[in-house]
Amino acid sequence: MTRKPLIGISCRMNVDRDRFYLRKHYSEAVFHAGGVPVLLPLIPEKDFARELMKDLDGVILSGSNSDVDPHLYGEEPHPRIGTIMSRRDQTDLYLIEEVFRRQKPLLAICFGIQILNVFLGGTLWQDIDSQVKGAVKHSQSSLEDYKSHGIKVRMKSLLYELAQQKELRVNSYHHQAIHKVAVSLRPVAQAPDGVVESVELRNAKHFVLGVQWHPEIGWENDELSQKIFFRFVEVASDGVSKKV
């Protein structure tokens, strides 16, 4: 019998507390999609990432309570940038490097889509409200499963295949976003103000999906969120079958 795929999920960390943590929604969404969630501590060592990826079948880059270090994409910090956590940045960068080296499926959520874009050579808006003209509210203060703004989805994309809609609404918990999209990525969804909400790898043979919203929040009652996790775990399962 083929085992269920092991899905690594990067943890979060508070600057003033020496503990790793992650909200339950990520693990529950992965488990109910048929995967086995494995929480990944933030150890910024290349050897750590290499050892992990020997056994992991897929990786989820979770959201973070920190901002990507702007020096990683050649900029000085904006006055409204948030907390920088180099431990989180570097751990994710090493994980992404191994994901591409081993061609493992990757689902990048919120902070995850941002660090993915930076890894591949793109840049970020350091603060949407002050840098994007006519910006909608991207850092919502409503109930966590409230879908606060719309997005337009590009046809002939994985996201459209899953959503089967050109327009939909998503939750939103971020003040940074992709500015210049990395060459190897293609934007497949945008908010009304033009902010990139989803990207896919141009090489369609390698499953890499980035979303700026949080599909793990309210996944129990959201069809698109369920489809995102099921497809991701399905691709990871295909990798397990090839190992057998």
C-alpha atoms as a PDB file:
ATOM      1  CA  MET A   1       0.000   0.000   0.000  1.00  0.00           C
ATOM      2  CA  THR A   2       1.404   3.415  -0.988  1.00  0.00           C
ATOM      3  CA  ARG A   3       1.970   5.683   1.985  1.00  0.00           C
ATOM      4  CA  LYS A   4       0.375   9.100   2.250  1.00  0.00           C
ATOM      5  CA  PRO A   5       2.595  12.017   1.170  1.00  0.00           C
ATOM      6  CA  LEU A   6       4.555  13.892   3.820  1.00  0.00           C
ATOM      7  CA  ILE A   7       3.886  17.637   3.525  1.00  0.00           C
ATOM      8  CA  GLY A   8       6.301  19.981   5.253  1.00  0.00           C
ATOM      9  CA  ILE A   9       4.853  23.291   6.481  1.00  0.00           C
ATOM     10  CA  SER A  10       7.171  26.079   7.593  1.00  0.00           C
ATOM     11  CA  CYS A  11       6.480  27.344  11.111  1.00  0.00           C
ATOM     12  CA  ARG A  12       6.230  30.874  12.414  1.00  0.00           C
ATOM     13  CA  MET A  13       8.145  32.462  15.278  1.00  0.00           C
ATOM     14  CA  ASN A  14       7.709  35.513  17.492  1.00  0.00           C
ATOM     15  CA  VAL A  15      10.796  37.686  17.763  1.00  0.00           C
ATOM     16  CA  ASP A  16      10.518  38.011  21.555  1.00  0.00           C
ATOM     17  CA  ARG A  17       9.816  34.324  22.248  1.00  0.00           C
ATOM     18  CA  ASP A  18      11.986  31.296  21.598  1.00  0.00           C
ATOM     19  CA  ARG A  19       9.277  29.033  20.266  1.00  0.00           C
ATOM     20  CA  PHE A  20       8.063  27.842  16.862  1.00  0.00           C
ATOM     21  CA  TYR A  21       4.331  27.639  16.195  1.00  0.00           C
ATOM     22  CA  LEU A  22       1.683  27.339  13.494  1.00  0.00           C
ATOM     23  CA  ARG A  23      -2.076  27.746  13.528  1.00  0.00           C
ATOM     24  CA  LYS A  24      -4.012  24.499  13.229  1.00  0.00           C
ATOM     25  CA  HIS A  25      -5.726  25.310   9.921  1.00  0.00           C
ATOM     26  CA  TYR A  26      -2.722  24.407   7.742  1.00  0.00           C
ATOM     27  CA  SER A  27      -2.324  20.935   9.227  1.00  0.00           C
ATOM     28  CA  GLU A  28      -6.034  20.181   9.203  1.00  0.00           C
ATOM     29  CA  ALA A  29      -6.413  21.243   5.572  1.00  0.00           C
ATOM     30  CA  VAL A  30      -3.476  19.052   4.531  1.00  0.00           C
ATOM     31  CA  PHE A  31      -4.667  16.039   6.512  1.00  0.00           C
ATOM     32  CA  HIS A  32      -8.208  16.192   5.145  1.00  0.00           C
ATOM     33  CA  ALA A  33      -6.789  16.480   1.630  1.00  0.00           C
ATOM     34  CA  GLY A  34      -4.992  13.163   2.147  1.00  0.00           C
ATOM     35  CA  GLY A  35      -1.534  14.280   3.258  1.00  0.00           C
ATOM     36  CA  VAL A  36       0.446  13.965   6.471  1.00  0.00           C
ATOM     37  CA  PRO A  37       1.437  17.405   7.804  1.00  0.00           C
ATOM     38  CA  VAL A  38       4.962  17.847   9.178  1.00  0.00           C
ATOM     39  CA  LEU A  39       5.717  21.139  10.945  1.00  0.00           C
ATOM     40  CA  LEU A  40       9.122  22.511  10.002  1.00  0.00           C
ATOM     41  CA  PRO A  41      11.163  24.444  12.576  1.00  0.00           C
ATOM     42  CA  LEU A  42      13.009  27.528  11.414  1.00  0.00           C
ATOM     43  CA  ILE A  43      16.582  26.315  11.248  1.00  0.00           C
ATOM     44  CA  PRO A  44      18.429  28.456   8.669  1.00  0.00           C
ATOM     45  CA  GLU A  45      20.937  25.790   7.642  1.00  0.00           C
ATOM     46  CA  LYS A  46      21.339  24.442   4.096  1.00  0.00           C
ATOM     47  CA  ASP A  47      22.089  20.944   5.405  1.00  0.00           C
ATOM     48  CA  PHE A  48      18.842  21.001   7.391  1.00  0.00           C
ATOM     49  CA  ALA A  49      16.823  21.738   4.244  1.00  0.00           C
ATOM     50  CA  ARG A  50      18.657  19.042   2.311  1.00  0.00           C
ATOM     51  CA  GLU A  51      17.977  16.392   4.937  1.00  0.00           C
ATOM     52  CA  LEU A  52      14.318  17.357   5.180  1.00  0.00           C
ATOM     53  CA  MET A  53      13.721  17.210   1.460  1.00  0.00           C
ATOM     54  CA  LYS A  54      15.025  13.645   1.229  1.00  0.00           C
ATOM     55  CA  ASP A  55      11.765  12.474   2.806  1.00  0.00           C
ATOM     56  CA  LEU A  56       9.242  15.274   2.232  1.00  0.00           C
ATOM     57  CA  ASP A  57       6.937  14.937  -0.766  1.00  0.00           C
ATOM     58  CA  GLY A  58       5.805  18.549  -0.876  1.00  0.00           C
ATOM     59  CA  VAL A  59       6.264  21.867   0.903  1.00  0.00           C
ATOM     60  CA  ILE A  60       3.889  24.602   2.028  1.00  0.00           C
ATOM     61  CA  LEU A  61       5.382  27.994   2.808  1.00  0.00           C
ATOM     62  CA  SER A  62       3.019  29.449   5.379  1.00  0.00           C
ATOM     63  CA  GLY A  63       2.154  33.038   6.183  1.00  0.00           C
ATOM     64  CA  SER A  64       4.351  34.959   8.603  1.00  0.00           C
ATOM     65  CA  ASN A  65       4.169  37.702  11.204  1.00  0.00           C
ATOM     66  CA  SER A  66       7.248  39.260   9.564  1.00  0.00           C
ATOM     67  CA  ASP A  67       8.187  40.986   6.307  1.00  0.00           C
ATOM     68  CA  VAL A  68      10.755  39.803   3.770  1.00  0.00           C
ATOM     69  CA  ASP A  69      14.084  41.603   4.228  1.00  0.00           C
ATOM     70  CA  PRO A  70      14.185  44.214   1.404  1.00  0.00           C
ATOM     71  CA  HIS A  71      17.964  43.817   1.108  1.00  0.00           C
ATOM     72  CA  LEU A  72      17.248  40.411  -0.423  1.00  0.00           C
ATOM     73  CA  TYR A  73      15.845  42.175  -3.496  1.00  0.00           C
ATOM     74  CA  GLY A  74      18.179  45.151  -3.521  1.00  0.00           C
ATOM     75  CA  GLU A  75      16.138  47.789  -1.691  1.00  0.00           C
ATOM     76  CA  GLU A  76      16.498  49.798   1.506  1.00  0.00           C
ATOM     77  CA  PRO A  77      13.718  49.506   4.126  1.00  0.00           C
ATOM     78  CA  HIS A  78      10.593  51.604   3.655  1.00  0.00           C
ATOM     79  CA  PRO A  79       9.469  53.613   6.738  1.00  0.00           C
ATOM     80  CA  ARG A  80       6.367  51.425   7.074  1.00  0.00           C
ATOM     81  CA  ILE A  81       8.054  48.043   6.772  1.00  0.00           C
ATOM     82  CA  GLY A  82       7.241  45.568   9.533  1.00  0.00           C
ATOM     83  CA  THR A  83       9.380  43.192  11.567  1.00  0.00           C
ATOM     84  CA  ILE A  84      12.241  41.459   9.770  1.00  0.00           C
ATOM     85  CA  MET A  85      13.024  37.899  10.798  1.00  0.00           C
ATOM     86  CA  SER A  86      16.148  36.690   9.022  1.00  0.00           C
ATOM     87  CA  ARG A  87      15.705  33.190  10.481  1.00  0.00           C
ATOM     88  CA  ARG A  88      12.382  32.826   8.673  1.00  0.00           C
ATOM     89  CA  ASP A  89      13.667  34.339   5.416  1.00  0.00           C
ATOM     90  CA  GLN A  90      16.736  32.139   5.213  1.00  0.00           C
ATOM     91  CA  THR A  91      14.991  28.922   6.223  1.00  0.00           C
ATOM     92  CA  ASP A  92      12.382  29.421   3.497  1.00  0.00           C
ATOM     93  CA  LEU A  93      15.029  30.333   0.914  1.00  0.00           C
ATOM     94  CA  TYR A  94      16.917  27.097   1.585  1.00  0.00           C
ATOM     95  CA  LEU A  95      13.656  25.121   1.419  1.00  0.00           C
ATOM     96  CA  ILE A  96      12.745  26.707  -1.915  1.00  0.00           C
ATOM     97  CA  GLU A  97      16.209  25.956  -3.265  1.00  0.00           C
ATOM     98  CA  GLU A  98      15.746  22.278  -2.426  1.00  0.00           C
ATOM     99  CA  VAL A  99      12.188  22.267  -3.804  1.00  0.00           C
ATOM    100  CA  PHE A 100      13.497  23.367  -7.183  1.00  0.00           C
ATOM    101  CA  ARG A 101      16.533  21.119  -7.076  1.00  0.00           C
ATOM    102  CA  ARG A 102      14.364  18.077  -6.402  1.00  0.00           C
ATOM    103  CA  GLN A 103      11.293  19.265  -8.378  1.00  0.00           C
ATOM    104  CA  LYS A 104       8.944  18.824  -5.403  1.00  0.00           C
ATOM    105  CA  PRO A 105       5.475  20.447  -5.414  1.00  0.00           C
ATOM    106  CA  LEU A 106       5.240  23.799  -3.641  1.00  0.00           C
ATOM    107  CA  LEU A 107       2.260  25.744  -2.312  1.00  0.00           C
ATOM    108  CA  ALA A 108       3.275  29.262  -1.234  1.00  0.00           C
ATOM    109  CA  ILE A 109       0.787  31.170   0.923  1.00  0.00           C
ATOM    110  CA  CYS A 110       0.842  34.918   1.744  1.00  0.00           C
ATOM    111  CA  PHE A 111       4.428  35.516   2.991  1.00  0.00           C
ATOM    112  CA  GLY A 112       5.254  32.357   1.050  1.00  0.00           C
ATOM    113  CA  ILE A 113       4.341  33.823  -2.354  1.00  0.00           C
ATOM    114  CA  GLN A 114       6.446  36.878  -1.528  1.00  0.00           C
ATOM    115  CA  ILE A 115       9.618  34.998  -0.525  1.00  0.00           C
ATOM    116  CA  LEU A 116       9.138  32.713  -3.557  1.00  0.00           C
ATOM    117  CA  ASN A 117       9.069  35.721  -5.881  1.00  0.00           C
ATOM    118  CA  VAL A 118      12.173  37.188  -4.220  1.00  0.00           C
ATOM    119  CA  PHE A 119      14.027  33.863  -4.455  1.00  0.00           C
ATOM    120  CA  LEU A 120      13.384  33.806  -8.203  1.00  0.00           C
ATOM    121  CA  GLY A 121      14.574  37.395  -8.709  1.00  0.00           C
ATOM    122  CA  GLY A 122      11.408  39.473  -8.268  1.00  0.00           C
ATOM    123  CA  THR A 123      10.718  42.413  -5.953  1.00  0.00           C
ATOM    124  CA  LEU A 124       7.987  43.443  -3.500  1.00  0.00           C
ATOM    125  CA  TRP A 125       5.855  46.405  -2.613  1.00  0.00           C
ATOM    126  CA  GLN A 126       7.114  47.036   0.918  1.00  0.00           C
ATOM    127  CA  ASP A 127       3.867  48.752   1.945  1.00  0.00           C
ATOM    128  CA  ILE A 128       0.844  48.611  -0.347  1.00  0.00           C
ATOM    129  CA  ASP A 129      -1.113  51.487   1.226  1.00  0.00           C
ATOM    130  CA  SER A 130       1.672  54.017   0.688  1.00  0.00           C
ATOM    131  CA  GLN A 131       3.142  52.653  -2.548  1.00  0.00           C
ATOM    132  CA  VAL A 132       0.208  51.446  -4.684  1.00  0.00           C
ATOM    133  CA  LYS A 133      -2.025  54.145  -6.127  1.00  0.00           C
ATOM    134  CA  GLY A 134      -5.704  53.513  -5.495  1.00  0.00           C
ATOM    135  CA  ALA A 135      -5.009  50.475  -3.322  1.00  0.00           C
ATOM    136  CA  VAL A 136      -7.908  48.541  -1.844  1.00  0.00           C
ATOM    137  CA  LYS A 137      -7.694  47.366   1.769  1.00  0.00           C
ATOM    138  CA  HIS A 138      -5.454  44.306   1.840  1.00  0.00           C
ATOM    139  CA  SER A 139      -5.042  44.019   5.603  1.00  0.00           C
ATOM    140  CA  GLN A 140      -8.570  43.234   6.689  1.00  0.00           C
ATOM    141  CA  SER A 141      -9.878  43.761  10.197  1.00  0.00           C
ATOM    142  CA  SER A 142     -13.041  41.677   9.747  1.00  0.00           C
ATOM    143  CA  LEU A 143     -13.715  38.112  10.877  1.00  0.00           C
ATOM    144  CA  GLU A 144     -10.918  35.855   9.680  1.00  0.00           C
ATOM    145  CA  ASP A 145     -12.958  33.939   7.089  1.00  0.00           C
ATOM    146  CA  TYR A 146     -14.484  37.080   5.561  1.00  0.00           C
ATOM    147  CA  LYS A 147     -13.721  37.444   1.847  1.00  0.00           C
ATOM    148  CA  SER A 148     -12.814  41.099   1.751  1.00  0.00           C
ATOM    149  CA  HIS A 149     -12.003  41.900  -1.888  1.00  0.00           C
ATOM    150  CA  GLY A 150     -12.330  40.529  -5.381  1.00  0.00           C
ATOM    151  CA  ILE A 151      -9.722  39.092  -7.717  1.00  0.00           C
ATOM    152  CA  LYS A 152      -9.719  38.430 -11.449  1.00  0.00           C
ATOM    153  CA  VAL A 153      -8.337  35.055 -12.513  1.00  0.00           C
ATOM    154  CA  ARG A 154      -6.516  34.518 -15.793  1.00  0.00           C
ATOM    155  CA  MET A 155      -7.980  31.795 -17.974  1.00  0.00           C
ATOM    156  CA  LYS A 156      -5.679  28.982 -19.105  1.00  0.00           C
ATOM    157  CA  SER A 157      -4.157  28.745 -15.641  1.00  0.00           C
ATOM    158  CA  LEU A 158      -4.161  26.120 -12.915  1.00  0.00           C
ATOM    159  CA  LEU A 159      -6.038  28.512 -10.641  1.00  0.00           C
ATOM    160  CA  TYR A 160      -8.808  28.958 -13.213  1.00  0.00           C
ATOM    161  CA  GLU A 161      -8.950  25.204 -13.727  1.00  0.00           C
ATOM    162  CA  LEU A 162      -9.588  24.826 -10.001  1.00  0.00           C
ATOM    163  CA  ALA A 163     -11.885  27.827  -9.494  1.00  0.00           C
ATOM    164  CA  GLN A 164     -13.828  27.617 -12.783  1.00  0.00           C
ATOM    165  CA  GLN A 165     -14.484  31.335 -12.340  1.00  0.00           C
ATOM    166  CA  LYS A 166     -12.870  34.460 -13.759  1.00  0.00           C
ATOM    167  CA  GLU A 167     -13.864  36.547 -10.747  1.00  0.00           C
ATOM    168  CA  LEU A 168     -14.083  35.632  -7.075  1.00  0.00           C
ATOM    169  CA  ARG A 169     -13.446  37.050  -3.619  1.00  0.00           C
ATOM    170  CA  VAL A 170     -10.735  36.160  -1.122  1.00  0.00           C
ATOM    171  CA  ASN A 171      -9.673  36.971   2.428  1.00  0.00           C
ATOM    172  CA  SER A 172      -6.716  39.316   2.830  1.00  0.00           C
ATOM    173  CA  TYR A 173      -4.104  39.685   5.598  1.00  0.00           C
ATOM    174  CA  HIS A 174      -1.044  41.420   4.171  1.00  0.00           C
ATOM    175  CA  HIS A 175       0.508  44.846   3.674  1.00  0.00           C
ATOM    176  CA  GLN A 176       3.244  43.685   1.279  1.00  0.00           C
ATOM    177  CA  ALA A 177       2.833  42.073  -2.138  1.00  0.00           C
ATOM    178  CA  ILE A 178       4.636  41.208  -5.341  1.00  0.00           C
ATOM    179  CA  HIS A 179       5.818  44.257  -7.300  1.00  0.00           C
ATOM    180  CA  LYS A 180       8.011  43.041 -10.158  1.00  0.00           C
ATOM    181  CA  VAL A 181       7.118  39.444 -10.951  1.00  0.00           C
ATOM    182  CA  ALA A 182      10.059  37.061 -11.342  1.00  0.00           C
ATOM    183  CA  VAL A 183      10.669  36.058 -14.976  1.00  0.00           C
ATOM    184  CA  SER A 184      10.033  32.356 -14.299  1.00  0.00           C
ATOM    185  CA  LEU A 185       6.619  33.106 -12.752  1.00  0.00           C
ATOM    186  CA  ARG A 186       3.405  34.188 -14.436  1.00  0.00           C
ATOM    187  CA  PRO A 187       0.768  36.231 -12.612  1.00  0.00           C
ATOM    188  CA  VAL A 188      -2.608  34.492 -12.818  1.00  0.00           C
ATOM    189  CA  ALA A 189      -4.785  36.618 -10.529  1.00  0.00           C
ATOM    190  CA  GLN A 190      -4.962  40.294  -9.589  1.00  0.00           C
ATOM    191  CA  ALA A 191      -6.902  42.445  -7.138  1.00  0.00           C
ATOM    192  CA  PRO A 192      -8.897  45.461  -8.450  1.00  0.00           C
ATOM    193  CA  ASP A 193      -5.897  47.724  -7.738  1.00  0.00           C
ATOM    194  CA  GLY A 194      -3.583  45.564  -9.843  1.00  0.00           C
ATOM    195  CA  VAL A 195      -1.846  43.869  -6.923  1.00  0.00           C
ATOM    196  CA  VAL A 196      -0.768  40.337  -7.878  1.00  0.00           C
ATOM    197  CA  GLU A 197      -2.782  37.761  -5.949  1.00  0.00           C
ATOM    198  CA  SER A 198      -1.539  34.499  -7.449  1.00  0.00           C
ATOM    199  CA  VAL A 199       1.393  33.204  -9.480  1.00  0.00           C
ATOM    200  CA  GLU A 200       2.305  29.936 -11.147  1.00  0.00           C
ATOM    201  CA  LEU A 201       5.565  28.642 -12.510  1.00  0.00           C
ATOM    202  CA  ARG A 202       5.868  29.059 -16.270  1.00  0.00           C
ATOM    203  CA  ASN A 203       7.210  25.512 -16.382  1.00  0.00           C
ATOM    204  CA  ALA A 204       3.868  23.786 -15.962  1.00  0.00           C
ATOM    205  CA  LYS A 205       5.537  20.400 -15.428  1.00  0.00           C
ATOM    206  CA  HIS A 206       6.602  21.506 -11.941  1.00  0.00           C
ATOM    207  CA  PHE A 207       3.697  22.243  -9.552  1.00  0.00           C
ATOM    208  CA  VAL A 208       4.373  25.642  -7.991  1.00  0.00           C
ATOM    209  CA  LEU A 209       1.376  27.711  -6.936  1.00  0.00           C
ATOM    210  CA  GLY A 210       1.522  30.931  -4.946  1.00  0.00           C
ATOM    211  CA  VAL A 211      -1.528  32.670  -3.475  1.00  0.00           C
ATOM    212  CA  GLN A 212      -1.549  35.950  -1.560  1.00  0.00           C
ATOM    213  CA  TRP A 213      -4.648  35.029   0.452  1.00  0.00           C
ATOM    214  CA  HIS A 214      -5.078  32.275   3.046  1.00  0.00           C
ATOM    215  CA  PRO A 215      -6.895  29.220   1.638  1.00  0.00           C
ATOM    216  CA  GLU A 216      -6.308  27.376   4.923  1.00  0.00           C
ATOM    217  CA  ILE A 217      -8.660  29.793   6.712  1.00  0.00           C
ATOM    218  CA  GLY A 218     -12.228  28.592   6.337  1.00  0.00           C
ATOM    219  CA  TRP A 219     -11.199  25.710   4.066  1.00  0.00           C
ATOM    220  CA  GLU A 220     -13.963  23.554   5.559  1.00  0.00           C
ATOM    221  CA  ASN A 221     -16.640  25.637   3.817  1.00  0.00           C
ATOM    222  CA  ASP A 222     -14.773  26.921   0.770  1.00  0.00           C
ATOM    223  CA  GLU A 223     -14.705  24.800  -2.380  1.00  0.00           C
ATOM    224  CA  LEU A 224     -11.726  26.536  -4.005  1.00  0.00           C
ATOM    225  CA  SER A 225      -9.602  26.194  -0.866  1.00  0.00           C
ATOM    226  CA  GLN A 226     -10.366  22.480  -0.731  1.00  0.00           C
ATOM    227  CA  LYS A 227      -9.500  22.070  -4.407  1.00  0.00           C
ATOM    228  CA  ILE A 228      -6.169  23.868  -3.932  1.00  0.00           C
ATOM    229  CA  PHE A 229      -5.124  21.566  -1.106  1.00  0.00           C
ATOM    230  CA  PHE A 230      -6.469  18.420  -2.785  1.00  0.00           C
ATOM    231  CA  ARG A 231      -4.639  19.153  -6.041  1.00  0.00           C
ATOM    232  CA  PHE A 232      -1.418  19.968  -4.206  1.00  0.00           C
ATOM    233  CA  VAL A 233      -1.568  16.747  -2.151  1.00  0.00           C
ATOM    234  CA  GLU A 234      -2.557  14.774  -5.260  1.00  0.00           C
ATOM    235  CA  VAL A 235       0.606  15.933  -7.054  1.00  0.00           C
ATOM    236  CA  ALA A 236       2.666  15.098  -3.971  1.00  0.00           C
ATOM    237  CA  SER A 237       1.060  11.628  -3.938  1.00  0.00           C
ATOM    238  CA  ASP A 238       2.134  11.081  -7.541  1.00  0.00           C
ATOM    239  CA  GLY A 239       5.695  11.642  -6.362  1.00  0.00           C
ATOM    240  CA  VAL A 240       5.276   9.020  -3.660  1.00  0.00           C
ATOM    241  CA  SER A 241       4.018   6.497  -6.230  1.00  0.00           C
ATOM    242  CA  LYS A 242       7.102   7.055  -8.395  1.00  0.00           C
ATOM    243  CA  LYS A 243       9.331   6.202  -5.423  1.00  0.00           C
ATOM    244  CA  VAL A 244       7.665   2.833  -4.882  1.00  0.00           C
END
